[in-house]
Amino acid sequence: MMSERTRRNRNWRSRNDEAHARLMEIGDLARAAAAPGWSRLAVRHAQVGSHAVTAVTRDGREITVEGTAEPFQRVRELSYRDGAGTWFICELEFSPGGRGYTGRVDSSAQPFEDVPPPAALAELTVFPRKEPPGWLLAALPTAAPLGLPTAYGDRYDRWYDHFGDRRPPAPSPITGELAYRPTTTMTARAFGHDQEHGRCLIYLTEQADGPDAEHLLVTSYQEGYRVARQDMRGTGEGVRSITLGGTTLRLELTLEAADLLETETVFEVRLDLPPETLGELRTVLPGMLRSVTQAPELIGF
């Protein structure tokens, strides 16, 4: 069953978005089951059809983690590529003190020694592929089945169809490396703010005339606020505090807000700005958040 936190953060725009969220969910389940003080947390999931084996190790010793089967199954579905299938092995590694992960997936290696014949049959029925590996064909109880029509992630493809020439991103890899490294800092060299029809906005960006430059946007309207980064990914809650200390703006975030912003739970903006611009920021930001309910705690303003 989908975790409550994943259910709340279901505003996904692509297969990659959802697959990443499910991998983050798996990481949270593993972290919750591991006793504090670990230095390495590794997860290996092997699956053919509905037959799956998952091993989670904390500093080399296996531990029990519940609830990973459903998110792993969904990642397999979202990773499926027409004619090429999906992965059989997914290995993830998590480090303490951060939200990131590294790992790999493999769509050809045999995931375990004995592959049950019904599992092999189910695999090629549900995830059809043109050139199955030899070990999978050898495990079949009959001739290779006709694959069923697949519709994994179709709702994301339909969403992109509304935007003409825009094509959806390719699914997550079925073979190769996986990595997620949340951002911890950015440098702001330009600042601006605006107010119109009760809506307030401030932005900090690496360069004023760079449309693809790293940026941080804070908006407010009536009793609500929103913090966003690249591609307008953002959150309207979960910013615990905003601290201005010298030439650093520091945001402390809940896990949910950090994942939506694709940052760690502490995100710092180094302010490479003139003193008068820093003064503007010190005045404008508290003013725009004054009427917001559950506003972040402001420190140093």
Protein backbone atom coordinates (compact mmCIF):
# COMPACT_ATOMS: atom_id res chain seq x y z
CA MET A 1 0.00 0.00 0.00
CA MET A 2 1.21 3.50 -0.84
CA SER A 3 2.63 5.39 2.14
CA GLU A 4 0.68 8.33 3.49
CA ARG A 5 3.47 10.74 2.59
CA THR A 6 3.65 9.46 -0.98
CA ARG A 7 -0.13 9.70 -1.25
CA ARG A 8 -0.04 13.36 -0.19
CA ASN A 9 2.69 14.22 -2.70
CA ARG A 10 1.08 12.71 -5.80
CA ASN A 11 1.44 15.76 -8.02
CA TRP A 12 3.66 13.87 -10.48
CA ARG A 13 4.11 15.06 -14.05
CA SER A 14 5.93 12.11 -15.61
CA ARG A 15 6.79 8.47 -15.12
CA ASN A 16 10.20 9.59 -13.87
CA ASP A 17 8.60 11.79 -11.22
CA GLU A 18 6.52 8.93 -9.83
CA ALA A 19 9.34 6.36 -10.10
CA HIS A 20 11.65 8.71 -8.18
CA ALA A 21 8.98 9.25 -5.51
CA ARG A 22 8.57 5.48 -5.11
CA LEU A 23 12.33 5.00 -4.71
CA MET A 24 12.32 7.73 -2.07
CA GLU A 25 9.46 5.88 -0.35
CA ILE A 26 11.55 2.69 -0.30
CA GLY A 27 14.43 4.66 1.22
CA ASP A 28 12.17 6.02 3.94
CA LEU A 29 10.89 2.54 4.78
CA ALA A 30 14.46 1.23 5.04
CA ARG A 31 15.60 4.19 7.17
CA ALA A 32 12.63 3.75 9.52
CA ALA A 33 13.43 0.06 10.03
CA ALA A 34 17.17 0.55 10.59
CA ALA A 35 18.35 1.27 14.12
CA PRO A 36 20.09 4.66 14.46
CA GLY A 37 23.82 4.92 13.99
CA TRP A 38 24.19 3.14 10.66
CA SER A 39 26.75 4.19 8.06
CA ARG A 40 25.54 2.16 5.06
CA LEU A 41 22.04 1.03 4.16
CA ALA A 42 21.65 -1.17 1.07
CA VAL A 43 18.53 -2.58 -0.60
CA ARG A 44 18.51 -5.29 -3.29
CA HIS A 45 15.24 -6.22 -4.96
CA ALA A 46 15.07 -9.06 -7.50
CA GLN A 47 11.84 -9.90 -9.31
CA VAL A 48 10.46 -12.03 -12.14
CA GLY A 49 6.70 -11.89 -12.62
CA SER A 50 5.21 -11.77 -9.14
CA HIS A 51 8.09 -13.73 -7.58
CA ALA A 52 10.29 -11.28 -5.69
CA VAL A 53 13.15 -11.42 -3.20
CA THR A 54 14.17 -8.30 -1.27
CA ALA A 55 17.19 -8.01 1.01
CA VAL A 56 17.98 -4.95 3.13
CA THR A 57 21.28 -4.72 4.95
CA ARG A 58 22.34 -2.28 7.64
CA ASP A 59 26.14 -2.08 7.74
CA GLY A 60 26.30 -5.54 6.19
CA ARG A 61 23.72 -7.22 8.45
CA GLU A 62 20.29 -8.08 7.06
CA ILE A 63 17.26 -6.42 8.61
CA THR A 64 13.52 -6.81 8.07
CA VAL A 65 11.70 -4.03 6.21
CA GLU A 66 7.98 -4.18 5.47
CA GLY A 67 6.10 -2.45 2.68
CA THR A 68 8.65 -2.34 -0.15
CA ALA A 69 6.91 -4.80 -2.50
CA GLU A 70 4.29 -2.40 -3.86
CA PRO A 71 6.60 0.54 -4.62
CA PHE A 72 9.17 -1.76 -6.28
CA GLN A 73 6.43 -3.30 -8.43
CA ARG A 74 5.27 0.15 -9.46
CA VAL A 75 8.80 1.24 -10.37
CA ARG A 76 9.07 -1.85 -12.60
CA GLU A 77 5.84 -0.83 -14.34
CA LEU A 78 6.91 2.78 -14.79
CA SER A 79 10.32 1.71 -16.14
CA TYR A 80 8.84 -0.63 -18.77
CA ARG A 81 9.96 0.02 -22.34
CA ASP A 82 7.98 -1.30 -25.26
CA GLY A 83 9.69 -4.37 -26.67
CA ALA A 84 12.57 -4.18 -24.18
CA GLY A 85 10.81 -5.12 -20.94
CA THR A 86 11.76 -3.86 -17.52
CA TRP A 87 14.50 -4.53 -14.97
CA PHE A 88 14.90 -7.74 -12.96
CA ILE A 89 17.32 -6.38 -10.36
CA CYS A 90 17.33 -3.04 -8.55
CA GLU A 91 20.06 -2.20 -6.05
CA LEU A 92 19.95 0.97 -3.96
CA GLU A 93 22.32 2.43 -1.41
CA PHE A 94 21.53 5.18 1.08
CA SER A 95 23.87 7.26 3.22
CA PRO A 96 23.09 8.75 6.63
CA GLY A 97 22.32 12.42 7.02
CA GLY A 98 20.88 12.98 3.56
CA ARG A 99 17.98 12.26 1.22
CA GLY A 100 20.02 11.02 -1.74
CA TYR A 101 20.59 7.56 -3.11
CA THR A 102 22.76 5.75 -5.64
CA GLY A 103 22.23 2.39 -7.29
CA ARG A 104 21.78 0.38 -10.45
CA VAL A 105 19.20 -1.63 -12.36
CA ASP A 106 19.69 -4.63 -14.64
CA SER A 107 17.28 -5.96 -17.26
CA SER A 108 19.26 -8.99 -18.46
CA ALA A 109 21.05 -10.73 -15.56
CA GLN A 110 19.34 -13.65 -13.84
CA PRO A 111 18.10 -12.25 -10.51
CA PHE A 112 18.09 -15.50 -8.51
CA GLU A 113 19.15 -19.09 -9.08
CA ASP A 114 15.76 -20.76 -9.42
CA VAL A 115 13.13 -18.95 -11.48
CA PRO A 116 9.66 -20.45 -10.96
CA PRO A 117 8.09 -21.35 -14.34
CA PRO A 118 4.80 -19.51 -13.56
CA ALA A 119 6.84 -16.38 -12.73
CA ALA A 120 8.68 -16.56 -16.07
CA LEU A 121 5.37 -16.97 -17.90
CA ALA A 122 3.83 -14.03 -16.00
CA GLU A 123 6.87 -11.84 -16.70
CA LEU A 124 6.67 -12.19 -20.47
CA THR A 125 2.90 -11.82 -20.41
CA VAL A 126 2.85 -8.63 -18.35
CA PHE A 127 6.17 -7.15 -19.54
CA PRO A 128 6.56 -8.46 -23.11
CA ARG A 129 9.98 -8.16 -24.75
CA LYS A 130 11.26 -9.04 -28.21
CA GLU A 131 14.47 -10.73 -27.10
CA PRO A 132 14.11 -12.37 -23.67
CA PRO A 133 17.34 -13.54 -22.04
CA GLY A 134 18.11 -17.24 -22.35
CA TRP A 135 17.60 -18.02 -18.66
CA LEU A 136 14.06 -16.57 -18.81
CA LEU A 137 13.16 -18.64 -21.89
CA ALA A 138 14.61 -21.74 -20.25
CA ALA A 139 12.37 -21.24 -17.21
CA LEU A 140 9.15 -21.10 -19.27
CA PRO A 141 6.74 -24.04 -18.76
CA THR A 142 5.44 -23.57 -22.34
CA ALA A 143 6.32 -21.61 -25.45
CA ALA A 144 6.77 -17.86 -25.00
CA PRO A 145 3.34 -16.25 -24.42
CA LEU A 146 1.75 -13.43 -26.34
CA GLY A 147 2.28 -10.28 -24.31
CA LEU A 148 -0.69 -8.37 -23.00
CA PRO A 149 -1.19 -4.74 -24.09
CA THR A 150 0.66 -2.47 -21.68
CA ALA A 151 -0.53 0.88 -20.36
CA TYR A 152 1.98 1.63 -17.61
CA GLY A 153 2.22 5.39 -17.12
CA ASP A 154 -0.15 6.15 -20.01
CA ARG A 155 -1.78 8.96 -18.06
CA TYR A 156 1.53 10.83 -18.13
CA ASP A 157 1.85 10.35 -21.89
CA ARG A 158 -1.69 11.68 -22.39
CA TRP A 159 -0.84 14.71 -20.25
CA TYR A 160 2.05 15.57 -22.55
CA ASP A 161 -0.16 15.07 -25.63
CA HIS A 162 -1.96 18.30 -24.68
CA PHE A 163 1.25 20.27 -25.29
CA GLY A 164 1.69 19.63 -29.00
CA ASP A 165 5.34 18.92 -29.82
CA ARG A 166 6.34 18.32 -26.21
CA ARG A 167 7.28 14.69 -25.68
CA PRO A 168 7.26 13.01 -22.29
CA PRO A 169 10.66 12.24 -20.76
CA ALA A 170 11.97 8.73 -21.37
CA PRO A 171 11.08 6.25 -18.62
CA SER A 172 13.58 5.48 -15.88
CA PRO A 173 16.42 3.22 -17.05
CA ILE A 174 16.02 -0.54 -17.12
CA THR A 175 19.80 -1.07 -17.20
CA GLY A 176 22.46 1.19 -15.74
CA GLU A 177 23.10 3.57 -12.88
CA LEU A 178 20.59 5.31 -10.63
CA ALA A 179 21.43 8.42 -8.63
CA TYR A 180 19.63 11.19 -6.80
CA ARG A 181 21.72 13.94 -5.22
CA PRO A 182 19.57 16.62 -3.59
CA THR A 183 20.76 20.20 -3.81
CA THR A 184 22.11 21.82 -0.66
CA THR A 185 23.09 25.32 -1.82
CA MET A 186 22.79 27.90 -4.57
CA THR A 187 24.33 31.32 -5.12
CA ALA A 188 22.08 34.30 -5.82
CA ARG A 189 23.52 37.23 -7.76
CA ALA A 190 20.21 38.88 -8.62
CA PHE A 191 17.11 39.70 -6.59
CA GLY A 192 13.73 41.05 -7.58
CA HIS A 193 10.23 41.45 -6.17
CA ASP A 194 6.77 42.38 -7.40
CA GLN A 195 3.25 42.91 -6.09
CA GLU A 196 0.06 42.92 -8.12
CA HIS A 197 -3.60 42.30 -7.24
CA GLY A 198 -2.67 41.14 -3.76
CA ARG A 199 -0.07 38.65 -5.00
CA CYS A 200 3.48 39.14 -3.77
CA LEU A 201 6.57 37.62 -5.30
CA ILE A 202 10.30 37.63 -4.68
CA TYR A 203 12.96 35.76 -6.60
CA LEU A 204 16.63 35.05 -6.14
CA THR A 205 18.58 33.82 -9.15
CA GLU A 206 22.12 33.06 -10.19
CA GLN A 207 21.90 35.58 -13.03
CA ALA A 208 19.19 38.05 -13.95
CA ASP A 209 19.12 37.31 -17.69
CA GLY A 210 19.53 33.53 -17.56
CA PRO A 211 16.21 31.73 -18.13
CA ASP A 212 17.75 28.39 -17.19
CA ALA A 213 19.69 29.73 -14.20
CA GLU A 214 19.16 28.27 -10.75
CA HIS A 215 16.52 30.25 -8.89
CA LEU A 216 14.41 30.38 -5.74
CA LEU A 217 10.92 31.85 -5.87
CA VAL A 218 8.69 32.79 -2.93
CA THR A 219 5.11 33.90 -3.54
CA SER A 220 2.18 34.73 -1.28
CA TYR A 221 -1.50 35.39 -1.84
CA GLN A 222 -3.99 36.03 0.93
CA GLU A 223 -3.27 33.35 3.59
CA GLY A 224 -1.12 31.03 1.47
CA TYR A 225 2.47 30.93 0.33
CA ARG A 226 4.59 28.86 -2.06
CA VAL A 227 8.32 28.24 -2.38
CA ALA A 228 9.59 26.93 -5.70
CA ARG A 229 12.83 26.12 -7.52
CA GLN A 230 13.56 24.85 -11.00
CA ASP A 231 10.61 24.10 -13.33
CA MET A 232 8.33 25.66 -10.71
CA ARG A 233 8.56 22.53 -8.57
CA GLY A 234 7.69 23.61 -5.09
CA THR A 235 5.62 23.43 -1.95
CA GLY A 236 2.99 25.46 -0.15
CA GLU A 237 3.80 24.01 3.25
CA GLY A 238 6.61 22.44 5.22
CA VAL A 239 9.02 25.39 5.34
CA ARG A 240 9.78 25.41 9.06
CA SER A 241 11.97 28.50 9.16
CA ILE A 242 13.80 31.02 7.02
CA THR A 243 16.93 32.52 8.54
CA LEU A 244 18.88 35.49 7.23
CA GLY A 245 22.36 35.50 8.65
CA GLY A 246 24.87 37.83 7.08
CA THR A 247 25.00 36.87 3.40
CA THR A 248 23.24 33.52 3.76
CA LEU A 249 19.54 32.72 3.53
CA ARG A 250 18.82 29.37 5.18
CA LEU A 251 15.61 27.35 4.75
CA GLU A 252 14.79 24.51 7.13
CA LEU A 253 12.31 22.09 5.59
CA THR A 254 10.25 19.04 6.43
CA LEU A 255 11.11 15.83 4.58
CA GLU A 256 8.06 16.29 2.36
CA ALA A 257 8.96 19.86 1.42
CA ALA A 258 12.61 18.96 0.79
CA ASP A 259 11.62 16.15 -1.57
CA LEU A 260 9.26 18.41 -3.49
CA LEU A 261 12.00 21.02 -3.85
CA GLU A 262 14.60 18.34 -4.57
CA THR A 263 16.86 19.62 -1.79
CA GLU A 264 18.10 18.39 1.55
CA THR A 265 16.12 19.43 4.62
CA VAL A 266 18.49 22.38 5.03
CA PHE A 267 18.91 24.51 1.91
CA GLU A 268 21.13 27.60 1.84
CA VAL A 269 21.24 30.49 -0.58
CA ARG A 270 24.56 32.35 -0.65
CA LEU A 271 23.68 35.98 -1.27
CA ASP A 272 26.19 37.62 -3.58
CA LEU A 273 24.24 40.88 -3.47
CA PRO A 274 24.98 44.56 -2.73
CA PRO A 275 24.23 45.73 0.84
CA GLU A 276 21.25 47.80 -0.31
CA THR A 277 19.73 44.75 -2.04
CA LEU A 278 20.20 42.67 1.11
CA GLY A 279 18.34 45.41 2.97
CA GLU A 280 15.50 45.16 0.47
CA LEU A 281 15.27 41.42 0.96
CA ARG A 282 15.29 41.89 4.75
CA THR A 283 12.26 44.18 4.45
CA VAL A 284 10.22 42.62 1.65
CA LEU A 285 10.21 38.94 2.70
CA PRO A 286 8.71 39.43 6.20
CA GLY A 287 6.16 41.86 4.76
CA MET A 288 4.82 39.40 2.21
CA LEU A 289 4.52 36.57 4.74
CA ARG A 290 2.84 38.65 7.44
CA SER A 291 -0.72 37.56 6.57
CA VAL A 292 0.14 33.94 5.78
CA THR A 293 -1.26 31.21 8.03
CA GLN A 294 1.32 28.67 9.25
CA ALA A 295 4.05 30.93 7.88
CA PRO A 296 7.67 29.86 8.31
CA GLU A 297 9.42 31.18 11.39
CA LEU A 298 11.54 34.17 10.33
CA ILE A 299 14.90 34.54 12.06
CA GLY A 300 17.39 37.36 11.65
CA PHE A 301 15.09 39.77 9.79
